[in-house]
All heavy atoms as atom14 arrays in JSON, in Angstrom:
{
  "sequence": "LTIMDACCATNTPYLDTANYEHPDEAKFEYKLQWQRDEKFKE",
  "atom14_mask": [
    [1, 1, 1, 1, 1, 1, 1, 1, 0, 0, 0, 0, 0, 0],
    [1, 1, 1, 1, 1, 1, 1, 0, 0, 0, 0, 0, 0, 0],
    [1, 1, 1, 1, 1, 1, 1, 1, 0, 0, 0, 0, 0, 0],
    [1, 1, 1, 1, 1, 1, 1, 1, 0, 0, 0, 0, 0, 0],
    [1, 1, 1, 1, 1, 1, 1, 1, 0, 0, 0, 0, 0, 0],
    [1, 1, 1, 1, 1, 0, 0, 0, 0, 0, 0, 0, 0, 0],
    [1, 1, 1, 1, 1, 1, 0, 0, 0, 0, 0, 0, 0, 0],
    [1, 1, 1, 1, 1, 1, 0, 0, 0, 0, 0, 0, 0, 0],
    [1, 1, 1, 1, 1, 0, 0, 0, 0, 0, 0, 0, 0, 0],
    [1, 1, 1, 1, 1, 1, 1, 0, 0, 0, 0, 0, 0, 0],
    [1, 1, 1, 1, 1, 1, 1, 1, 0, 0, 0, 0, 0, 0],
    [1, 1, 1, 1, 1, 1, 1, 0, 0, 0, 0, 0, 0, 0],
    [1, 1, 1, 1, 1, 1, 1, 0, 0, 0, 0, 0, 0, 0],
    [1, 1, 1, 1, 1, 1, 1, 1, 1, 1, 1, 1, 0, 0],
    [1, 1, 1, 1, 1, 1, 1, 1, 0, 0, 0, 0, 0, 0],
    [1, 1, 1, 1, 1, 1, 1, 1, 0, 0, 0, 0, 0, 0],
    [1, 1, 1, 1, 1, 1, 1, 0, 0, 0, 0, 0, 0, 0],
    [1, 1, 1, 1, 1, 0, 0, 0, 0, 0, 0, 0, 0, 0],
    [1, 1, 1, 1, 1, 1, 1, 1, 0, 0, 0, 0, 0, 0],
    [1, 1, 1, 1, 1, 1, 1, 1, 1, 1, 1, 1, 0, 0],
    [1, 1, 1, 1, 1, 1, 1, 1, 1, 0, 0, 0, 0, 0],
    [1, 1, 1, 1, 1, 1, 1, 1, 1, 1, 0, 0, 0, 0],
    [1, 1, 1, 1, 1, 1, 1, 0, 0, 0, 0, 0, 0, 0],
    [1, 1, 1, 1, 1, 1, 1, 1, 0, 0, 0, 0, 0, 0],
    [1, 1, 1, 1, 1, 1, 1, 1, 1, 0, 0, 0, 0, 0],
    [1, 1, 1, 1, 1, 0, 0, 0, 0, 0, 0, 0, 0, 0],
    [1, 1, 1, 1, 1, 1, 1, 1, 1, 0, 0, 0, 0, 0],
    [1, 1, 1, 1, 1, 1, 1, 1, 1, 1, 1, 0, 0, 0],
    [1, 1, 1, 1, 1, 1, 1, 1, 1, 0, 0, 0, 0, 0],
    [1, 1, 1, 1, 1, 1, 1, 1, 1, 1, 1, 1, 0, 0],
    [1, 1, 1, 1, 1, 1, 1, 1, 1, 0, 0, 0, 0, 0],
    [1, 1, 1, 1, 1, 1, 1, 1, 0, 0, 0, 0, 0, 0],
    [1, 1, 1, 1, 1, 1, 1, 1, 1, 0, 0, 0, 0, 0],
    [1, 1, 1, 1, 1, 1, 1, 1, 1, 1, 1, 1, 1, 1],
    [1, 1, 1, 1, 1, 1, 1, 1, 1, 0, 0, 0, 0, 0],
    [1, 1, 1, 1, 1, 1, 1, 1, 1, 1, 1, 0, 0, 0],
    [1, 1, 1, 1, 1, 1, 1, 1, 0, 0, 0, 0, 0, 0],
    [1, 1, 1, 1, 1, 1, 1, 1, 1, 0, 0, 0, 0, 0],
    [1, 1, 1, 1, 1, 1, 1, 1, 1, 0, 0, 0, 0, 0],
    [1, 1, 1, 1, 1, 1, 1, 1, 1, 1, 1, 0, 0, 0],
    [1, 1, 1, 1, 1, 1, 1, 1, 1, 0, 0, 0, 0, 0],
    [1, 1, 1, 1, 1, 1, 1, 1, 1, 0, 0, 0, 0, 0]
  ],
  "atom14_positions": [
    [[-66.2, 14.34, 5.69], [-66.98, 14.98, 4.53], [-68.42, 14.35, 4.53], [-69.37, 15.02, 4.32], [-66.22, 14.7, 3.14], [-64.94, 15.4, 3.08], [-64.34, 15.14, 1.59], [-64.88, 16.84, 3.36], [0.0, 0.0, 0.0], [0.0, 0.0, 0.0], [0.0, 0.0, 0.0], [0.0, 0.0, 0.0], [0.0, 0.0, 0.0], [0.0, 0.0, 0.0]],
    [[-68.55, 13.03, 4.78], [-69.8, 12.29, 4.86], [-70.6, 12.93, 5.97], [-71.85, 13.15, 5.74], [-69.68, 10.8, 4.88], [-69.01, 10.45, 6.07], [-69.07, 10.18, 3.62], [0.0, 0.0, 0.0], [0.0, 0.0, 0.0], [0.0, 0.0, 0.0], [0.0, 0.0, 0.0], [0.0, 0.0, 0.0], [0.0, 0.0, 0.0], [0.0, 0.0, 0.0]],
    [[-70.0, 13.13, 7.09], [-70.84, 13.65, 8.28], [-71.13, 15.17, 7.97], [-72.12, 15.54, 8.27], [-69.97, 13.38, 9.52], [-69.74, 11.89, 9.78], [-70.67, 14.09, 10.7], [-68.79, 11.59, 10.95], [0.0, 0.0, 0.0], [0.0, 0.0, 0.0], [0.0, 0.0, 0.0], [0.0, 0.0, 0.0], [0.0, 0.0, 0.0], [0.0, 0.0, 0.0]],
    [[-70.2, 15.88, 7.45], [-70.53, 17.31, 7.15], [-71.69, 17.4, 6.28], [-72.68, 18.25, 6.43], [-69.3, 17.95, 6.5], [-68.15, 18.23, 7.56], [-66.86, 19.2, 6.74], [-67.42, 20.91, 6.71], [0.0, 0.0, 0.0], [0.0, 0.0, 0.0], [0.0, 0.0, 0.0], [0.0, 0.0, 0.0], [0.0, 0.0, 0.0], [0.0, 0.0, 0.0]],
    [[-71.71, 16.58, 5.18], [-72.81, 16.63, 4.21], [-74.14, 16.15, 4.85], [-75.28, 16.75, 4.48], [-72.57, 15.73, 3.04], [-71.4, 16.14, 2.15], [-71.05, 17.36, 2.2], [-70.81, 15.34, 1.31], [0.0, 0.0, 0.0], [0.0, 0.0, 0.0], [0.0, 0.0, 0.0], [0.0, 0.0, 0.0], [0.0, 0.0, 0.0], [0.0, 0.0, 0.0]],
    [[-74.02, 15.22, 5.76], [-75.32, 14.73, 6.47], [-75.89, 16.02, 7.36], [-76.99, 16.2, 7.48], [-75.03, 13.64, 7.35], [0.0, 0.0, 0.0], [0.0, 0.0, 0.0], [0.0, 0.0, 0.0], [0.0, 0.0, 0.0], [0.0, 0.0, 0.0], [0.0, 0.0, 0.0], [0.0, 0.0, 0.0], [0.0, 0.0, 0.0], [0.0, 0.0, 0.0]],
    [[-74.92, 16.69, 7.97], [-75.31, 17.87, 8.77], [-76.0, 19.01, 8.02], [-76.95, 19.6, 8.33], [-74.1, 18.46, 9.52], [-73.6, 17.36, 10.91], [0.0, 0.0, 0.0], [0.0, 0.0, 0.0], [0.0, 0.0, 0.0], [0.0, 0.0, 0.0], [0.0, 0.0, 0.0], [0.0, 0.0, 0.0], [0.0, 0.0, 0.0], [0.0, 0.0, 0.0]],
    [[-75.44, 19.23, 6.74], [-76.0, 20.12, 5.75], [-77.43, 19.77, 5.47], [-78.36, 20.62, 5.32], [-75.12, 20.43, 4.6], [-73.72, 21.3, 4.73], [0.0, 0.0, 0.0], [0.0, 0.0, 0.0], [0.0, 0.0, 0.0], [0.0, 0.0, 0.0], [0.0, 0.0, 0.0], [0.0, 0.0, 0.0], [0.0, 0.0, 0.0], [0.0, 0.0, 0.0]],
    [[-77.57, 18.44, 5.14], [-78.81, 17.92, 4.67], [-79.87, 17.99, 5.72], [-81.09, 18.03, 5.4], [-78.74, 16.42, 4.17], [0.0, 0.0, 0.0], [0.0, 0.0, 0.0], [0.0, 0.0, 0.0], [0.0, 0.0, 0.0], [0.0, 0.0, 0.0], [0.0, 0.0, 0.0], [0.0, 0.0, 0.0], [0.0, 0.0, 0.0], [0.0, 0.0, 0.0]],
    [[-79.52, 18.05, 7.03], [-80.45, 18.0, 8.16], [-80.39, 19.34, 8.94], [-81.08, 19.53, 9.96], [-80.08, 16.92, 9.18], [-78.7, 17.0, 9.49], [-80.32, 15.51, 8.43], [0.0, 0.0, 0.0], [0.0, 0.0, 0.0], [0.0, 0.0, 0.0], [0.0, 0.0, 0.0], [0.0, 0.0, 0.0], [0.0, 0.0, 0.0], [0.0, 0.0, 0.0]],
    [[-79.62, 20.32, 8.44], [-79.53, 21.62, 9.13], [-79.02, 21.49, 10.54], [-79.68, 22.13, 11.47], [-80.81, 22.46, 8.99], [-81.3, 22.65, 7.5], [-80.46, 22.79, 6.63], [-82.57, 22.6, 7.41], [0.0, 0.0, 0.0], [0.0, 0.0, 0.0], [0.0, 0.0, 0.0], [0.0, 0.0, 0.0], [0.0, 0.0, 0.0], [0.0, 0.0, 0.0]],
    [[-77.98, 20.68, 10.79], [-77.63, 20.55, 12.22], [-76.19, 20.95, 12.32], [-75.33, 20.58, 11.48], [-77.63, 18.89, 12.35], [-78.88, 18.39, 12.1], [-77.38, 18.65, 13.87], [0.0, 0.0, 0.0], [0.0, 0.0, 0.0], [0.0, 0.0, 0.0], [0.0, 0.0, 0.0], [0.0, 0.0, 0.0], [0.0, 0.0, 0.0], [0.0, 0.0, 0.0]],
    [[-75.85, 21.74, 13.3], [-74.44, 22.22, 13.48], [-73.41, 21.06, 13.65], [-73.86, 20.03, 14.24], [-74.65, 23.08, 14.85], [-75.97, 23.47, 14.84], [-76.86, 22.34, 14.27], [0.0, 0.0, 0.0], [0.0, 0.0, 0.0], [0.0, 0.0, 0.0], [0.0, 0.0, 0.0], [0.0, 0.0, 0.0], [0.0, 0.0, 0.0], [0.0, 0.0, 0.0]],
    [[-72.28, 21.33, 13.2], [-71.25, 20.25, 13.16], [-69.94, 20.63, 13.8], [-69.7, 21.91, 13.61], [-70.99, 20.05, 11.66], [-69.82, 19.16, 11.36], [-69.67, 17.82, 11.34], [-68.48, 19.79, 11.16], [-68.67, 17.03, 10.88], [-67.47, 19.06, 10.77], [-67.39, 17.74, 10.73], [-66.42, 16.96, 10.47], [0.0, 0.0, 0.0], [0.0, 0.0, 0.0]],
    [[-69.29, 19.79, 14.4], [-67.88, 19.99, 14.97], [-67.08, 18.75, 14.86], [-67.55, 17.66, 15.03], [-68.03, 20.42, 16.57], [-66.74, 20.55, 17.31], [-67.1, 21.66, 18.47], [-66.34, 19.26, 18.01], [0.0, 0.0, 0.0], [0.0, 0.0, 0.0], [0.0, 0.0, 0.0], [0.0, 0.0, 0.0], [0.0, 0.0, 0.0], [0.0, 0.0, 0.0]],
    [[-65.78, 18.98, 14.57], [-64.77, 17.81, 14.48], [-63.61, 18.27, 15.24], [-63.38, 19.48, 15.55], [-64.62, 17.43, 13.04], [-63.84, 18.48, 12.18], [-63.02, 19.2, 12.6], [-64.23, 18.5, 10.94], [0.0, 0.0, 0.0], [0.0, 0.0, 0.0], [0.0, 0.0, 0.0], [0.0, 0.0, 0.0], [0.0, 0.0, 0.0], [0.0, 0.0, 0.0]],
    [[-62.6, 17.3, 15.31], [-61.33, 17.63, 15.95], [-60.18, 17.59, 14.98], [-58.9, 17.87, 15.43], [-61.16, 16.63, 17.07], [-61.01, 15.35, 16.66], [-62.26, 16.69, 18.09], [0.0, 0.0, 0.0], [0.0, 0.0, 0.0], [0.0, 0.0, 0.0], [0.0, 0.0, 0.0], [0.0, 0.0, 0.0], [0.0, 0.0, 0.0], [0.0, 0.0, 0.0]],
    [[-60.35, 17.08, 13.79], [-59.18, 17.0, 12.79], [-59.65, 17.1, 11.43], [-60.81, 16.79, 11.11], [-58.58, 15.54, 13.04], [0.0, 0.0, 0.0], [0.0, 0.0, 0.0], [0.0, 0.0, 0.0], [0.0, 0.0, 0.0], [0.0, 0.0, 0.0], [0.0, 0.0, 0.0], [0.0, 0.0, 0.0], [0.0, 0.0, 0.0], [0.0, 0.0, 0.0]],
    [[-58.75, 17.66, 10.55], [-59.21, 17.97, 9.2], [-59.34, 16.55, 8.33], [-58.77, 15.48, 8.7], [-58.3, 18.97, 8.52], [-56.99, 18.58, 8.22], [-56.49, 17.45, 8.52], [-56.13, 19.48, 7.55], [0.0, 0.0, 0.0], [0.0, 0.0, 0.0], [0.0, 0.0, 0.0], [0.0, 0.0, 0.0], [0.0, 0.0, 0.0], [0.0, 0.0, 0.0]],
    [[-60.02, 16.75, 7.19], [-60.26, 15.62, 6.43], [-59.0, 15.01, 5.83], [-57.98, 15.8, 5.41], [-61.18, 16.0, 5.12], [-61.32, 14.9, 4.17], [-62.09, 13.81, 4.51], [-60.68, 15.06, 2.91], [-62.25, 12.8, 3.6], [-60.77, 13.9, 2.08], [-61.68, 12.93, 2.32], [-61.74, 11.89, 1.39], [0.0, 0.0, 0.0], [0.0, 0.0, 0.0]],
    [[-58.9, 13.67, 5.88], [-57.75, 12.94, 5.2], [-58.4, 12.01, 4.2], [-59.29, 11.27, 4.5], [-56.88, 12.15, 6.28], [-56.28, 13.06, 7.3], [-55.36, 12.31, 8.19], [-54.92, 11.14, 7.75], [-55.12, 12.74, 9.29], [0.0, 0.0, 0.0], [0.0, 0.0, 0.0], [0.0, 0.0, 0.0], [0.0, 0.0, 0.0], [0.0, 0.0, 0.0]],
    [[-57.72, 11.93, 3.11], [-58.14, 10.91, 2.07], [-57.64, 9.57, 2.5], [-56.43, 9.49, 2.76], [-57.51, 11.32, 0.69], [-58.23, 10.61, -0.52], [-57.93, 9.32, -0.78], [-59.2, 11.0, -1.29], [-58.66, 8.97, -1.73], [-59.4, 9.86, -2.15], [0.0, 0.0, 0.0], [0.0, 0.0, 0.0], [0.0, 0.0, 0.0], [0.0, 0.0, 0.0]],
    [[-58.48, 8.57, 2.38], [-57.99, 7.27, 2.98], [-56.76, 6.63, 2.1], [-56.06, 5.81, 2.59], [-59.28, 6.36, 2.79], [-60.27, 7.03, 1.95], [-59.87, 8.54, 2.15], [0.0, 0.0, 0.0], [0.0, 0.0, 0.0], [0.0, 0.0, 0.0], [0.0, 0.0, 0.0], [0.0, 0.0, 0.0], [0.0, 0.0, 0.0], [0.0, 0.0, 0.0]],
    [[-56.69, 7.08, 0.87], [-55.72, 6.52, 0.02], [-54.54, 7.45, -0.27], [-53.7, 7.08, -1.2], [-56.43, 6.12, -1.35], [-57.49, 5.17, -1.23], [-57.46, 4.25, -0.34], [-58.67, 5.28, -1.88], [0.0, 0.0, 0.0], [0.0, 0.0, 0.0], [0.0, 0.0, 0.0], [0.0, 0.0, 0.0], [0.0, 0.0, 0.0], [0.0, 0.0, 0.0]],
    [[-54.49, 8.41, 0.4], [-53.33, 9.41, 0.04], [-52.92, 9.98, 1.46], [-53.9, 10.52, 2.24], [-53.87, 10.49, -0.91], [-52.68, 11.5, -1.4], [-53.36, 12.44, -2.48], [-54.47, 12.5, -2.59], [-52.43, 13.07, -2.98], [0.0, 0.0, 0.0], [0.0, 0.0, 0.0], [0.0, 0.0, 0.0], [0.0, 0.0, 0.0], [0.0, 0.0, 0.0]],
    [[-51.71, 10.16, 1.84], [-51.22, 10.8, 3.05], [-51.16, 12.31, 2.84], [-50.22, 12.93, 2.55], [-49.85, 10.21, 3.37], [0.0, 0.0, 0.0], [0.0, 0.0, 0.0], [0.0, 0.0, 0.0], [0.0, 0.0, 0.0], [0.0, 0.0, 0.0], [0.0, 0.0, 0.0], [0.0, 0.0, 0.0], [0.0, 0.0, 0.0], [0.0, 0.0, 0.0]],
    [[-52.43, 12.86, 2.79], [-52.56, 14.34, 2.57], [-53.55, 14.94, 3.59], [-54.61, 14.27, 3.86], [-53.07, 14.58, 1.13], [-52.88, 15.96, 0.54], [-53.26, 16.0, -0.83], [-53.02, 17.42, -1.31], [-53.22, 17.43, -2.87], [0.0, 0.0, 0.0], [0.0, 0.0, 0.0], [0.0, 0.0, 0.0], [0.0, 0.0, 0.0], [0.0, 0.0, 0.0]],
    [[-53.1, 16.01, 4.25], [-53.9, 16.63, 5.33], [-54.11, 18.01, 4.93], [-53.3, 18.87, 4.94], [-53.26, 16.57, 6.64], [-52.28, 15.37, 6.85], [-50.97, 15.32, 6.66], [-53.02, 14.11, 7.22], [-50.17, 14.21, 6.83], [-52.15, 12.96, 7.38], [-50.86, 12.97, 7.17], [0.0, 0.0, 0.0], [0.0, 0.0, 0.0], [0.0, 0.0, 0.0]],
    [[-55.38, 18.3, 4.56], [-55.68, 19.71, 4.27], [-57.26, 20.03, 4.36], [-58.06, 19.12, 4.5], [-55.34, 19.97, 2.71], [-56.07, 19.17, 1.71], [-55.64, 19.46, 0.34], [-54.7, 20.27, -0.02], [-56.25, 18.86, -0.61], [0.0, 0.0, 0.0], [0.0, 0.0, 0.0], [0.0, 0.0, 0.0], [0.0, 0.0, 0.0], [0.0, 0.0, 0.0]],
    [[-57.49, 21.39, 4.47], [-58.85, 21.8, 4.92], [-59.58, 22.11, 3.56], [-60.83, 22.44, 3.64], [-58.74, 23.09, 5.68], [-58.53, 22.91, 7.18], [-57.47, 23.3, 7.72], [-59.38, 22.09, 7.98], [-57.15, 23.02, 9.06], [-59.27, 21.93, 9.33], [-58.06, 22.38, 9.88], [-57.78, 22.1, 11.28], [0.0, 0.0, 0.0], [0.0, 0.0, 0.0]],
    [[-59.02, 22.04, 2.46], [-59.49, 22.4, 1.18], [-60.99, 22.02, 1.06], [-61.94, 22.7, 0.81], [-58.67, 21.93, -0.06], [-59.21, 22.28, -1.47], [-58.23, 21.72, -2.36], [-58.76, 22.02, -3.87], [-57.96, 21.41, -4.88], [0.0, 0.0, 0.0], [0.0, 0.0, 0.0], [0.0, 0.0, 0.0], [0.0, 0.0, 0.0], [0.0, 0.0, 0.0]],
    [[-61.17, 20.57, 1.01], [-62.53, 20.12, 0.8], [-63.59, 20.46, 1.85], [-64.75, 20.57, 1.58], [-62.37, 18.7, 0.56], [-61.73, 18.07, -0.59], [-61.58, 16.6, -0.56], [-62.28, 18.56, -1.9], [0.0, 0.0, 0.0], [0.0, 0.0, 0.0], [0.0, 0.0, 0.0], [0.0, 0.0, 0.0], [0.0, 0.0, 0.0], [0.0, 0.0, 0.0]],
    [[-63.05, 20.73, 3.04], [-64.04, 21.15, 4.09], [-64.3, 22.66, 3.85], [-65.49, 23.14, 4.05], [-63.38, 20.93, 5.46], [-63.28, 19.42, 5.77], [-62.83, 19.16, 7.19], [-61.5, 19.25, 7.41], [-63.64, 18.9, 8.15], [0.0, 0.0, 0.0], [0.0, 0.0, 0.0], [0.0, 0.0, 0.0], [0.0, 0.0, 0.0], [0.0, 0.0, 0.0]],
    [[-63.28, 23.51, 3.71], [-63.58, 24.87, 3.45], [-64.51, 25.08, 2.09], [-65.38, 25.99, 2.18], [-62.28, 25.61, 3.06], [-61.42, 25.99, 4.37], [-61.82, 25.93, 5.55], [-60.1, 26.18, 4.48], [-60.87, 26.19, 6.42], [-59.72, 26.28, 5.66], [-59.08, 26.41, 3.46], [-58.39, 26.71, 6.16], [-57.79, 26.71, 3.84], [-57.52, 26.83, 5.21]],
    [[-64.57, 24.2, 1.16], [-65.28, 24.29, -0.02], [-66.88, 24.17, 0.38], [-67.76, 24.54, -0.36], [-65.06, 23.22, -0.98], [-63.68, 23.46, -1.79], [-63.26, 22.42, -2.68], [-63.94, 21.41, -2.81], [-62.24, 22.69, -3.59], [0.0, 0.0, 0.0], [0.0, 0.0, 0.0], [0.0, 0.0, 0.0], [0.0, 0.0, 0.0], [0.0, 0.0, 0.0]],
    [[-67.12, 23.57, 1.55], [-68.52, 23.33, 1.98], [-69.02, 24.55, 2.74], [-70.24, 24.61, 3.22], [-68.5, 22.1, 2.88], [-68.61, 20.81, 2.06], [-68.2, 19.56, 2.74], [-68.53, 18.43, 2.04], [-67.88, 18.04, 1.06], [-66.63, 18.7, 0.54], [-68.16, 16.88, 0.27], [0.0, 0.0, 0.0], [0.0, 0.0, 0.0], [0.0, 0.0, 0.0]],
    [[-68.27, 25.66, 2.83], [-68.69, 26.92, 3.67], [-70.0, 27.28, 2.99], [-70.96, 27.7, 3.7], [-67.58, 27.94, 3.42], [-67.93, 29.09, 4.16], [-68.15, 29.19, 5.37], [-68.07, 30.37, 3.45], [0.0, 0.0, 0.0], [0.0, 0.0, 0.0], [0.0, 0.0, 0.0], [0.0, 0.0, 0.0], [0.0, 0.0, 0.0], [0.0, 0.0, 0.0]],
    [[-70.13, 27.49, 1.72], [-71.4, 27.94, 1.11], [-72.62, 27.04, 1.43], [-73.69, 27.61, 1.68], [-71.18, 28.17, -0.37], [-72.14, 29.13, -1.08], [-72.15, 30.48, -0.41], [-70.98, 30.97, -0.26], [-73.31, 31.08, -0.15], [0.0, 0.0, 0.0], [0.0, 0.0, 0.0], [0.0, 0.0, 0.0], [0.0, 0.0, 0.0], [0.0, 0.0, 0.0]],
    [[-72.38, 25.76, 1.45], [-73.36, 24.8, 1.8], [-73.88, 25.06, 3.24], [-75.17, 25.02, 3.58], [-73.07, 23.43, 1.69], [-72.92, 22.96, 0.12], [-72.57, 21.52, -0.01], [-72.54, 21.03, -1.37], [-72.19, 19.58, -1.51], [0.0, 0.0, 0.0], [0.0, 0.0, 0.0], [0.0, 0.0, 0.0], [0.0, 0.0, 0.0], [0.0, 0.0, 0.0]],
    [[-72.97, 25.29, 4.22], [-73.37, 25.49, 5.55], [-74.05, 26.82, 5.72], [-74.93, 26.96, 6.46], [-72.04, 25.5, 6.34], [-71.66, 24.11, 6.89], [-71.05, 23.05, 6.1], [-71.91, 23.72, 8.26], [-70.8, 21.86, 6.45], [-71.58, 22.44, 8.57], [-71.02, 21.57, 7.85], [0.0, 0.0, 0.0], [0.0, 0.0, 0.0], [0.0, 0.0, 0.0]],
    [[-73.6, 27.82, 4.93], [-74.35, 29.1, 5.01], [-75.77, 28.98, 4.43], [-76.69, 29.53, 4.94], [-73.61, 30.16, 4.17], [-72.36, 30.63, 4.8], [-71.61, 31.66, 3.9], [-70.45, 32.12, 4.62], [-69.38, 32.87, 3.68], [0.0, 0.0, 0.0], [0.0, 0.0, 0.0], [0.0, 0.0, 0.0], [0.0, 0.0, 0.0], [0.0, 0.0, 0.0]],
    [[-75.96, 28.19, 3.42], [-77.25, 28.03, 2.83], [-78.16, 27.26, 3.82], [-79.45, 27.48, 4.0], [-77.21, 27.22, 1.54], [-76.69, 28.02, 0.38], [-76.37, 27.16, -0.78], [-76.61, 25.97, -0.75], [-75.69, 27.75, -1.84], [0.0, 0.0, 0.0], [0.0, 0.0, 0.0], [0.0, 0.0, 0.0], [0.0, 0.0, 0.0], [0.0, 0.0, 0.0]]
  ]
}
C-alpha cells in the first residue's frame, strides 16, 4: 500500500507479485488494493 500510494503521488505505473497482507493479522485480500483503483485512474 505504501508503494502503491507513492506511485499514485508520482504518476508512476506499478506492479507487484502478491496481494497486501496486514503485518498484524494473517489475512490475505485484494480489498485495500482494489480500493485504490480510482486513485490510479485519476
